[in-house]
């Protein structure tokens, strides 16, 4: 945690942080145009990562929570999730 405090400051570190693989950050440049993720889709993925604290406990934030965090409508989040499922980047658990 001391690295996080050194980089971002105590106020940010105390609010939590998420580890996002560099591969995921750079993924779009390796994909064909039709397979690239939209900015909203990337934000949804990052929000899911930020909600995933334990390996064996999958994240399940509400659509409205994701929409609020991403600054978009619930419908936009739903479309993003549908596309991510279609691309097999995430799976829907019922």
PDB file of N, CA and C in Angstrom:
ATOM      1  N   UNK A   1       0.826  -1.196   0.000  1.00  0.00           N
ATOM      2  CA  UNK A   1       0.000   0.000   0.000  1.00  0.00           C
ATOM      3  C   UNK A   1       0.866   1.254   0.000  1.00  0.00           C
ATOM      4  N   UNK A   2       2.091   1.166   0.513  1.00  0.00           N
ATOM      5  CA  UNK A   2       2.928   2.363   0.580  1.00  0.00           C
ATOM      6  C   UNK A   2       3.246   2.914  -0.806  1.00  0.00           C
ATOM      7  N   UNK A   3       3.365   2.032  -1.809  1.00  0.00           N
ATOM      8  CA  UNK A   3       3.569   2.507  -3.181  1.00  0.00           C
ATOM      9  C   UNK A   3       2.364   3.303  -3.663  1.00  0.00           C
ATOM     10  N   UNK A   4       1.181   2.832  -3.321  1.00  0.00           N
ATOM     11  CA  UNK A   4      -0.044   3.533  -3.717  1.00  0.00           C
ATOM     12  C   UNK A   4      -0.084   4.904  -3.059  1.00  0.00           C
ATOM     13  N   UNK A   5       0.243   4.967  -1.785  1.00  0.00           N
ATOM     14  CA  UNK A   5       0.260   6.251  -1.074  1.00  0.00           C
ATOM     15  C   UNK A   5       1.299   7.173  -1.698  1.00  0.00           C
ATOM     16  N   UNK A   6       2.473   6.637  -2.009  1.00  0.00           N
ATOM     17  CA  UNK A   6       3.532   7.450  -2.611  1.00  0.00           C
ATOM     18  C   UNK A   6       3.119   7.995  -3.976  1.00  0.00           C
ATOM     19  N   UNK A   7       2.415   7.193  -4.748  1.00  0.00           N
ATOM     20  CA  UNK A   7       2.002   7.620  -6.094  1.00  0.00           C
ATOM     21  C   UNK A   7       0.801   8.550  -6.076  1.00  0.00           C
ATOM     22  N   UNK A   8      -0.198   8.204  -5.276  1.00  0.00           N
ATOM     23  CA  UNK A   8      -1.492   8.874  -5.367  1.00  0.00           C
ATOM     24  C   UNK A   8      -1.871   9.714  -4.155  1.00  0.00           C
ATOM     25  N   UNK A   9      -1.170   9.522  -3.058  1.00  0.00           N
ATOM     26  CA  UNK A   9      -1.504  10.245  -1.837  1.00  0.00           C
ATOM     27  C   UNK A   9      -2.407   9.425  -0.936  1.00  0.00           C
ATOM     28  N   UNK A  10      -2.396   9.785   0.350  1.00  0.00           N
ATOM     29  CA  UNK A  10      -3.135   9.029   1.359  1.00  0.00           C
ATOM     30  C   UNK A  10      -4.646   9.075   1.135  1.00  0.00           C
ATOM     31  N   UNK A  11      -5.174  10.249   0.772  1.00  0.00           N
ATOM     32  CA  UNK A  11      -6.627  10.395   0.591  1.00  0.00           C
ATOM     33  C   UNK A  11      -7.151   9.458  -0.495  1.00  0.00           C
ATOM     34  N   UNK A  12      -6.399   9.318  -1.576  1.00  0.00           N
ATOM     35  CA  UNK A  12      -6.809   8.418  -2.665  1.00  0.00           C
ATOM     36  C   UNK A  12      -6.640   6.964  -2.224  1.00  0.00           C
ATOM     37  N   UNK A  13      -5.505   6.647  -1.621  1.00  0.00           N
ATOM     38  CA  UNK A  13      -5.220   5.267  -1.211  1.00  0.00           C
ATOM     39  C   UNK A  13      -6.261   4.740  -0.226  1.00  0.00           C
ATOM     40  N   UNK A  14      -6.732   5.589   0.664  1.00  0.00           N
ATOM     41  CA  UNK A  14      -7.717   5.155   1.654  1.00  0.00           C
ATOM     42  C   UNK A  14      -9.071   4.824   1.045  1.00  0.00           C
ATOM     43  N   UNK A  15      -9.326   5.304  -0.137  1.00  0.00           N
ATOM     44  CA  UNK A  15     -10.608   5.032  -0.801  1.00  0.00           C
ATOM     45  C   UNK A  15     -10.571   3.740  -1.621  1.00  0.00           C
ATOM     46  N   UNK A  16      -9.427   3.082  -1.642  1.00  0.00           N
ATOM     47  CA  UNK A  16      -9.280   1.817  -2.350  1.00  0.00           C
ATOM     48  C   UNK A  16      -8.690   2.004  -3.732  1.00  0.00           C
ATOM     49  N   UNK A  17      -8.253   0.904  -4.302  1.00  0.00           N
ATOM     50  CA  UNK A  17      -7.659   0.935  -5.628  1.00  0.00           C
ATOM     51  C   UNK A  17      -7.869  -0.417  -6.290  1.00  0.00           C
ATOM     52  N   UNK A  18      -7.715  -0.441  -7.601  1.00  0.00           N
ATOM     53  CA  UNK A  18      -7.874  -1.683  -8.357  1.00  0.00           C
ATOM     54  C   UNK A  18      -6.633  -1.913  -9.201  1.00  0.00           C
ATOM     55  N   UNK A  19      -6.234  -3.160  -9.310  1.00  0.00           N
ATOM     56  CA  UNK A  19      -5.126  -3.507 -10.187  1.00  0.00           C
ATOM     57  C   UNK A  19      -5.699  -3.859 -11.547  1.00  0.00           C
ATOM     58  N   UNK A  20      -5.243  -3.141 -12.559  1.00  0.00           N
ATOM     59  CA  UNK A  20      -5.702  -3.401 -13.921  1.00  0.00           C
ATOM     60  C   UNK A  20      -4.493  -3.829 -14.743  1.00  0.00           C
ATOM     61  N   UNK A  21      -4.527  -5.023 -15.322  1.00  0.00           N
ATOM     62  CA  UNK A  21      -3.388  -5.491 -16.106  1.00  0.00           C
ATOM     63  C   UNK A  21      -3.084  -4.545 -17.272  1.00  0.00           C
ATOM     64  N   UNK A  22      -1.803  -4.294 -17.503  1.00  0.00           N
ATOM     65  CA  UNK A  22      -1.386  -3.445 -18.615  1.00  0.00           C
ATOM     66  C   UNK A  22      -1.918  -4.003 -19.930  1.00  0.00           C
ATOM     67  N   UNK A  23      -1.978  -5.324 -20.033  1.00  0.00           N
ATOM     68  CA  UNK A  23      -2.534  -5.954 -21.236  1.00  0.00           C
ATOM     69  C   UNK A  23      -3.930  -5.421 -21.529  1.00  0.00           C
ATOM     70  N   UNK A  24      -4.744  -5.309 -20.500  1.00  0.00           N
ATOM     71  CA  UNK A  24      -6.109  -4.816 -20.669  1.00  0.00           C
ATOM     72  C   UNK A  24      -6.113  -3.348 -21.090  1.00  0.00           C
ATOM     73  N   UNK A  25      -5.201  -2.567 -20.514  1.00  0.00           N
ATOM     74  CA  UNK A  25      -5.112  -1.152 -20.878  1.00  0.00           C
ATOM     75  C   UNK A  25      -4.722  -0.968 -22.343  1.00  0.00           C
ATOM     76  N   UNK A  26      -3.910  -1.888 -22.861  1.00  0.00           N
ATOM     77  CA  UNK A  26      -3.409  -1.773 -24.233  1.00  0.00           C
ATOM     78  C   UNK A  26      -4.133  -2.668 -25.228  1.00  0.00           C
ATOM     79  N   UNK A  27      -5.149  -3.378 -24.774  1.00  0.00           N
ATOM     80  CA  UNK A  27      -5.838  -4.376 -25.590  1.00  0.00           C
ATOM     81  C   UNK A  27      -6.337  -3.840 -26.926  1.00  0.00           C
ATOM     82  N   UNK A  28      -6.942  -2.672 -26.935  1.00  0.00           N
ATOM     83  CA  UNK A  28      -7.581  -2.161 -28.148  1.00  0.00           C
ATOM     84  C   UNK A  28      -6.630  -2.023 -29.325  1.00  0.00           C
ATOM     85  N   UNK A  29      -5.389  -1.676 -29.079  1.00  0.00           N
ATOM     86  CA  UNK A  29      -4.479  -1.471 -30.212  1.00  0.00           C
ATOM     87  C   UNK A  29      -4.140  -2.777 -30.917  1.00  0.00           C
ATOM     88  N   UNK A  30      -4.389  -3.913 -30.269  1.00  0.00           N
ATOM     89  CA  UNK A  30      -4.105  -5.206 -30.879  1.00  0.00           C
ATOM     90  C   UNK A  30      -5.320  -5.819 -31.573  1.00  0.00           C
ATOM     91  N   UNK A  31      -6.463  -5.197 -31.422  1.00  0.00           N
ATOM     92  CA  UNK A  31      -7.696  -5.746 -31.989  1.00  0.00           C
ATOM     93  C   UNK A  31      -8.037  -5.087 -33.318  1.00  0.00           C
ATOM     94  N   UNK A  32      -8.679  -5.853 -34.190  1.00  0.00           N
ATOM     95  CA  UNK A  32      -9.206  -5.273 -35.422  1.00  0.00           C
ATOM     96  C   UNK A  32     -10.240  -4.230 -35.043  1.00  0.00           C
ATOM     97  N   UNK A  33     -10.446  -3.262 -35.941  1.00  0.00           N
ATOM     98  CA  UNK A  33     -11.376  -2.168 -35.639  1.00  0.00           C
ATOM     99  C   UNK A  33     -12.743  -2.658 -35.184  1.00  0.00           C
ATOM    100  N   UNK A  34     -13.270  -3.680 -35.826  1.00  0.00           N
ATOM    101  CA  UNK A  34     -14.618  -4.148 -35.486  1.00  0.00           C
ATOM    102  C   UNK A  34     -14.660  -4.861 -34.132  1.00  0.00           C
ATOM    103  N   UNK A  35     -13.517  -5.250 -33.601  1.00  0.00           N
ATOM    104  CA  UNK A  35     -13.477  -5.933 -32.306  1.00  0.00           C
ATOM    105  C   UNK A  35     -13.014  -5.043 -31.161  1.00  0.00           C
ATOM    106  N   UNK A  36     -12.701  -3.800 -31.453  1.00  0.00           N
ATOM    107  CA  UNK A  36     -12.233  -2.891 -30.405  1.00  0.00           C
ATOM    108  C   UNK A  36     -13.359  -2.539 -29.451  1.00  0.00           C
ATOM    109  N   UNK A  37     -12.976  -2.283 -28.223  1.00  0.00           N
ATOM    110  CA  UNK A  37     -13.949  -1.890 -27.216  1.00  0.00           C
ATOM    111  C   UNK A  37     -14.175  -0.390 -27.274  1.00  0.00           C
ATOM    112  N   UNK A  38     -15.413  -0.001 -27.065  1.00  0.00           N
ATOM    113  CA  UNK A  38     -15.744   1.424 -27.010  1.00  0.00           C
ATOM    114  C   UNK A  38     -15.260   1.978 -25.670  1.00  0.00           C
ATOM    115  N   UNK A  39     -15.145   3.292 -25.555  1.00  0.00           N
ATOM    116  CA  UNK A  39     -14.778   3.869 -24.262  1.00  0.00           C
ATOM    117  C   UNK A  39     -15.730   3.438 -23.136  1.00  0.00           C
ATOM    118  N   UNK A  40     -17.009   3.345 -23.431  1.00  0.00           N
ATOM    119  CA  UNK A  40     -17.975   2.907 -22.411  1.00  0.00           C
ATOM    120  C   UNK A  40     -17.717   1.460 -22.009  1.00  0.00           C
ATOM    121  N   UNK A  41     -17.443   0.603 -22.980  1.00  0.00           N
ATOM    122  CA  UNK A  41     -17.161  -0.799 -22.672  1.00  0.00           C
ATOM    123  C   UNK A  41     -15.914  -0.923 -21.800  1.00  0.00           C
ATOM    124  N   UNK A  42     -14.878  -0.149 -22.114  1.00  0.00           N
ATOM    125  CA  UNK A  42     -13.668  -0.170 -21.291  1.00  0.00           C
ATOM    126  C   UNK A  42     -13.959   0.304 -19.868  1.00  0.00           C
ATOM    127  N   UNK A  43     -14.744   1.373 -19.749  1.00  0.00           N
ATOM    128  CA  UNK A  43     -15.109   1.866 -18.418  1.00  0.00           C
ATOM    129  C   UNK A  43     -15.874   0.815 -17.622  1.00  0.00           C
ATOM    130  N   UNK A  44     -16.780   0.118 -18.281  1.00  0.00           N
ATOM    131  CA  UNK A  44     -17.549  -0.935 -17.602  1.00  0.00           C
ATOM    132  C   UNK A  44     -16.602  -2.036 -17.118  1.00  0.00           C
ATOM    133  N   UNK A  45     -15.667  -2.447 -17.973  1.00  0.00           N
ATOM    134  CA  UNK A  45     -14.691  -3.466 -17.565  1.00  0.00           C
ATOM    135  C   UNK A  45     -13.897  -2.978 -16.356  1.00  0.00           C
ATOM    136  N   UNK A  46     -13.424  -1.741 -16.404  1.00  0.00           N
ATOM    137  CA  UNK A  46     -12.641  -1.203 -15.287  1.00  0.00           C
ATOM    138  C   UNK A  46     -13.473  -1.131 -14.006  1.00  0.00           C
ATOM    139  N   UNK A  47     -14.750  -0.785 -14.131  1.00  0.00           N
ATOM    140  CA  UNK A  47     -15.621  -0.743 -12.953  1.00  0.00           C
ATOM    141  C   UNK A  47     -15.864  -2.146 -12.398  1.00  0.00           C
ATOM    142  N   UNK A  48     -15.976  -3.135 -13.283  1.00  0.00           N
ATOM    143  CA  UNK A  48     -16.123  -4.518 -12.823  1.00  0.00           C
ATOM    144  C   UNK A  48     -14.855  -4.971 -12.098  1.00  0.00           C
ATOM    145  N   UNK A  49     -13.693  -4.630 -12.661  1.00  0.00           N
ATOM    146  CA  UNK A  49     -12.422  -4.958 -12.012  1.00  0.00           C
ATOM    147  C   UNK A  49     -12.355  -4.300 -10.634  1.00  0.00           C
ATOM    148  N   UNK A  50     -12.791  -3.051 -10.554  1.00  0.00           N
ATOM    149  CA  UNK A  50     -12.778  -2.330  -9.287  1.00  0.00           C
ATOM    150  C   UNK A  50     -13.730  -2.898  -8.249  1.00  0.00           C
ATOM    151  N   UNK A  51     -14.701  -3.684  -8.698  1.00  0.00           N
ATOM    152  CA  UNK A  51     -15.678  -4.304  -7.793  1.00  0.00           C
ATOM    153  C   UNK A  51     -15.318  -5.746  -7.447  1.00  0.00           C
ATOM    154  N   UNK A  52     -14.236  -6.249  -8.024  1.00  0.00           N
ATOM    155  CA  UNK A  52     -13.860  -7.656  -7.872  1.00  0.00           C
ATOM    156  C   UNK A  52     -12.721  -7.767  -6.866  1.00  0.00           C
ATOM    157  N   UNK A  53     -13.054  -8.036  -5.626  1.00  0.00           N
ATOM    158  CA  UNK A  53     -12.063  -8.056  -4.560  1.00  0.00           C
ATOM    159  C   UNK A  53     -11.478  -9.430  -4.305  1.00  0.00           C
ATOM    160  N   UNK A  54     -12.268 -10.493  -4.444  1.00  0.00           N
ATOM    161  CA  UNK A  54     -11.778 -11.840  -4.158  1.00  0.00           C
ATOM    162  C   UNK A  54     -11.946 -12.708  -5.398  1.00  0.00           C
ATOM    163  N   UNK A  55     -10.915 -13.491  -5.695  1.00  0.00           N
ATOM    164  CA  UNK A  55     -10.907 -14.324  -6.896  1.00  0.00           C
ATOM    165  C   UNK A  55     -12.145 -15.194  -7.010  1.00  0.00           C
ATOM    166  N   UNK A  56     -12.554 -15.790  -5.911  1.00  0.00           N
ATOM    167  CA  UNK A  56     -13.670 -16.730  -5.945  1.00  0.00           C
ATOM    168  C   UNK A  56     -15.033 -16.075  -5.761  1.00  0.00           C
ATOM    169  N   UNK A  57     -15.063 -14.756  -5.636  1.00  0.00           N
ATOM    170  CA  UNK A  57     -16.333 -14.031  -5.508  1.00  0.00           C
ATOM    171  C   UNK A  57     -16.455 -13.037  -6.659  1.00  0.00           C
ATOM    172  N   UNK A  58     -17.229 -13.397  -7.651  1.00  0.00           N
ATOM    173  CA  UNK A  58     -17.373 -12.556  -8.838  1.00  0.00           C
ATOM    174  C   UNK A  58     -18.122 -11.264  -8.502  1.00  0.00           C
ATOM    175  N   UNK A  59     -17.770 -10.178  -9.172  1.00  0.00           N
ATOM    176  CA  UNK A  59     -18.442  -8.900  -8.902  1.00  0.00           C
ATOM    177  C   UNK A  59     -19.853  -8.890  -9.480  1.00  0.00           C
ATOM    178  N   UNK A  60     -20.752  -8.205  -8.820  1.00  0.00           N
ATOM    179  CA  UNK A  60     -22.115  -8.102  -9.337  1.00  0.00           C
ATOM    180  C   UNK A  60     -22.733  -6.744  -9.001  1.00  0.00           C
ATOM    181  N   UNK A  61     -22.071  -5.644  -9.402  1.00  0.00           N
ATOM    182  CA  UNK A  61     -22.669  -4.326  -9.140  1.00  0.00           C
ATOM    183  C   UNK A  61     -23.944  -4.144  -9.962  1.00  0.00           C
ATOM    184  N   UNK A  62     -24.871  -3.389  -9.429  1.00  0.00           N
ATOM    185  CA  UNK A  62     -26.131  -3.113 -10.134  1.00  0.00           C
ATOM    186  C   UNK A  62     -25.870  -2.266 -11.376  1.00  0.00           C
ATOM    187  N   UNK A  63     -26.745  -2.394 -12.359  1.00  0.00           N
ATOM    188  CA  UNK A  63     -26.632  -1.586 -13.583  1.00  0.00           C
ATOM    189  C   UNK A  63     -26.600  -0.100 -13.252  1.00  0.00           C
ATOM    190  N   UNK A  64     -27.450   0.304 -12.322  1.00  0.00           N
ATOM    191  CA  UNK A  64     -27.499   1.733 -11.966  1.00  0.00           C
ATOM    192  C   UNK A  64     -26.197   2.176 -11.309  1.00  0.00           C
ATOM    193  N   UNK A  65     -25.583   1.297 -10.533  1.00  0.00           N
ATOM    194  CA  UNK A  65     -24.287   1.613  -9.921  1.00  0.00           C
ATOM    195  C   UNK A  65     -23.233   1.799 -10.999  1.00  0.00           C
ATOM    196  N   UNK A  66     -23.179   0.857 -11.940  1.00  0.00           N
ATOM    197  CA  UNK A  66     -22.215   0.971 -13.038  1.00  0.00           C
ATOM    198  C   UNK A  66     -22.465   2.232 -13.859  1.00  0.00           C
ATOM    199  N   UNK A  67     -23.719   2.511 -14.134  1.00  0.00           N
ATOM    200  CA  UNK A  67     -24.069   3.702 -14.923  1.00  0.00           C
ATOM    201  C   UNK A  67     -23.616   4.973 -14.208  1.00  0.00           C
ATOM    202  N   UNK A  68     -23.886   5.059 -12.913  1.00  0.00           N
ATOM    203  CA  UNK A  68     -23.470   6.234 -12.143  1.00  0.00           C
ATOM    204  C   UNK A  68     -21.961   6.383 -12.128  1.00  0.00           C
ATOM    205  N   UNK A  69     -21.261   5.294 -11.926  1.00  0.00           N
ATOM    206  CA  UNK A  69     -19.794   5.342 -11.879  1.00  0.00           C
ATOM    207  C   UNK A  69     -19.182   5.698 -13.228  1.00  0.00           C
ATOM    208  N   UNK A  70     -19.828   5.262 -14.312  1.00  0.00           N
ATOM    209  CA  UNK A  70     -19.313   5.536 -15.659  1.00  0.00           C
ATOM    210  C   UNK A  70     -19.811   6.863 -16.215  1.00  0.00           C
ATOM    211  N   UNK A  71     -20.842   7.426 -15.592  1.00  0.00           N
ATOM    212  CA  UNK A  71     -21.401   8.679 -16.090  1.00  0.00           C
ATOM    213  C   UNK A  71     -22.212   8.512 -17.357  1.00  0.00           C
ATOM    214  N   UNK A  72     -22.853   7.349 -17.486  1.00  0.00           N
ATOM    215  CA  UNK A  72     -23.684   7.063 -18.659  1.00  0.00           C
ATOM    216  C   UNK A  72     -25.024   6.501 -18.181  1.00  0.00           C
ATOM    217  N   UNK A  73     -25.919   6.233 -19.120  1.00  0.00           N
ATOM    218  CA  UNK A  73     -27.226   5.679 -18.762  1.00  0.00           C
ATOM    219  C   UNK A  73     -27.130   4.173 -18.500  1.00  0.00           C
ATOM    220  N   UNK A  74     -28.118   3.654 -17.790  1.00  0.00           N
ATOM    221  CA  UNK A  74     -28.184   2.206 -17.542  1.00  0.00           C
ATOM    222  C   UNK A  74     -28.289   1.440 -18.852  1.00  0.00           C
ATOM    223  N   UNK A  75     -28.989   2.014 -19.812  1.00  0.00           N
ATOM    224  CA  UNK A  75     -29.136   1.366 -21.125  1.00  0.00           C
ATOM    225  C   UNK A  75     -27.782   1.249 -21.823  1.00  0.00           C
ATOM    226  N   UNK A  76     -26.954   2.281 -21.718  1.00  0.00           N
ATOM    227  CA  UNK A  76     -25.623   2.224 -22.328  1.00  0.00           C
ATOM    228  C   UNK A  76     -24.774   1.142 -21.661  1.00  0.00           C
ATOM    229  N   UNK A  77     -24.901   1.020 -20.353  1.00  0.00           N
ATOM    230  CA  UNK A  77     -24.179  -0.029 -19.635  1.00  0.00           C
ATOM    231  C   UNK A  77     -24.675  -1.395 -20.092  1.00  0.00           C
ATOM    232  N   UNK A  78     -25.984  -1.556 -20.236  1.00  0.00           N
ATOM    233  CA  UNK A  78     -26.549  -2.832 -20.685  1.00  0.00           C
ATOM    234  C   UNK A  78     -26.021  -3.205 -22.068  1.00  0.00           C
ATOM    235  N   UNK A  79     -25.976  -2.237 -22.974  1.00  0.00           N
ATOM    236  CA  UNK A  79     -25.438  -2.507 -24.316  1.00  0.00           C
ATOM    237  C   UNK A  79     -23.964  -2.895 -24.239  1.00  0.00           C
ATOM    238  N   UNK A  80     -23.216  -2.194 -23.405  1.00  0.00           N
ATOM    239  CA  UNK A  80     -21.792  -2.500 -23.251  1.00  0.00           C
ATOM    240  C   UNK A  80     -21.607  -3.917 -22.714  1.00  0.00           C
ATOM    241  N   UNK A  81     -22.377  -4.269 -21.696  1.00  0.00           N
ATOM    242  CA  UNK A  81     -22.275  -5.613 -21.117  1.00  0.00           C
ATOM    243  C   UNK A  81     -22.659  -6.670 -22.141  1.00  0.00           C
ATOM    244  N   UNK A  82     -23.725  -6.437 -22.890  1.00  0.00           N
ATOM    245  CA  UNK A  82     -24.130  -7.392 -23.923  1.00  0.00           C
ATOM    246  C   UNK A  82     -23.009  -7.615 -24.930  1.00  0.00           C
ATOM    247  N   UNK A  83     -22.333  -6.541 -25.340  1.00  0.00           N
ATOM    248  CA  UNK A  83     -21.242  -6.668 -26.304  1.00  0.00           C
ATOM    249  C   UNK A  83     -20.046  -7.393 -25.686  1.00  0.00           C
ATOM    250  N   UNK A  84     -19.733  -7.109 -24.437  1.00  0.00           N
ATOM    251  CA  UNK A  84     -18.625  -7.790 -23.755  1.00  0.00           C
ATOM    252  C   UNK A  84     -18.908  -9.284 -23.603  1.00  0.00           C
ATOM    253  N   UNK A  85     -20.161  -9.637 -23.328  1.00  0.00           N
ATOM    254  CA  UNK A  85     -20.558 -11.051 -23.243  1.00  0.00           C
ATOM    255  C   UNK A  85     -20.442 -11.694 -24.623  1.00  0.00           C
ATOM    256  N   UNK A  86     -20.932 -10.994 -25.635  1.00  0.00           N
ATOM    257  CA  UNK A  86     -20.872 -11.477 -27.019  1.00  0.00           C
ATOM    258  C   UNK A  86     -19.429 -11.756 -27.439  1.00  0.00           C
ATOM    259  N   UNK A  87     -18.506 -10.891 -27.010  1.00  0.00           N
ATOM    260  CA  UNK A  87     -17.090 -11.045 -27.354  1.00  0.00           C
ATOM    261  C   UNK A  87     -16.388 -12.060 -26.450  1.00  0.00           C
ATOM    262  N   UNK A  88     -17.126 -12.617 -25.475  1.00  0.00           N
ATOM    263  CA  UNK A  88     -16.601 -13.591 -24.517  1.00  0.00           C
ATOM    264  C   UNK A  88     -15.494 -13.005 -23.637  1.00  0.00           C
ATOM    265  N   UNK A  89     -15.576 -11.702 -23.369  1.00  0.00           N
ATOM    266  CA  UNK A  89     -14.624 -11.056 -22.466  1.00  0.00           C
ATOM    267  C   UNK A  89     -15.105 -11.115 -21.023  1.00  0.00           C
ATOM    268  N   UNK A  90     -16.422 -11.207 -20.851  1.00  0.00           N
ATOM    269  CA  UNK A  90     -17.012 -11.427 -19.530  1.00  0.00           C
ATOM    270  C   UNK A  90     -18.120 -12.457 -19.710  1.00  0.00           C
ATOM    271  N   UNK A  91     -18.557 -13.023 -18.622  1.00  0.00           N
ATOM    272  CA  UNK A  91     -19.697 -13.940 -18.707  1.00  0.00           C
ATOM    273  C   UNK A  91     -20.755 -13.510 -17.712  1.00  0.00           C
ATOM    274  N   UNK A  92     -21.963 -13.719 -18.106  1.00  0.00           N
ATOM    275  CA  UNK A  92     -23.102 -13.382 -17.254  1.00  0.00           C
ATOM    276  C   UNK A  92     -23.376 -14.574 -16.342  1.00  0.00           C
ATOM    277  N   UNK A  93     -23.449 -14.324 -15.057  1.00  0.00           N
ATOM    278  CA  UNK A  93     -23.722 -15.384 -14.087  1.00  0.00           C
ATOM    279  C   UNK A  93     -25.103 -15.136 -13.503  1.00  0.00           C
ATOM    280  N   UNK A  94     -25.959 -16.153 -13.599  1.00  0.00           N
ATOM    281  CA  UNK A  94     -27.330 -16.000 -13.105  1.00  0.00           C
ATOM    282  C   UNK A  94     -27.558 -16.818 -11.863  1.00  0.00           C
TER     283      UNK A  94
END
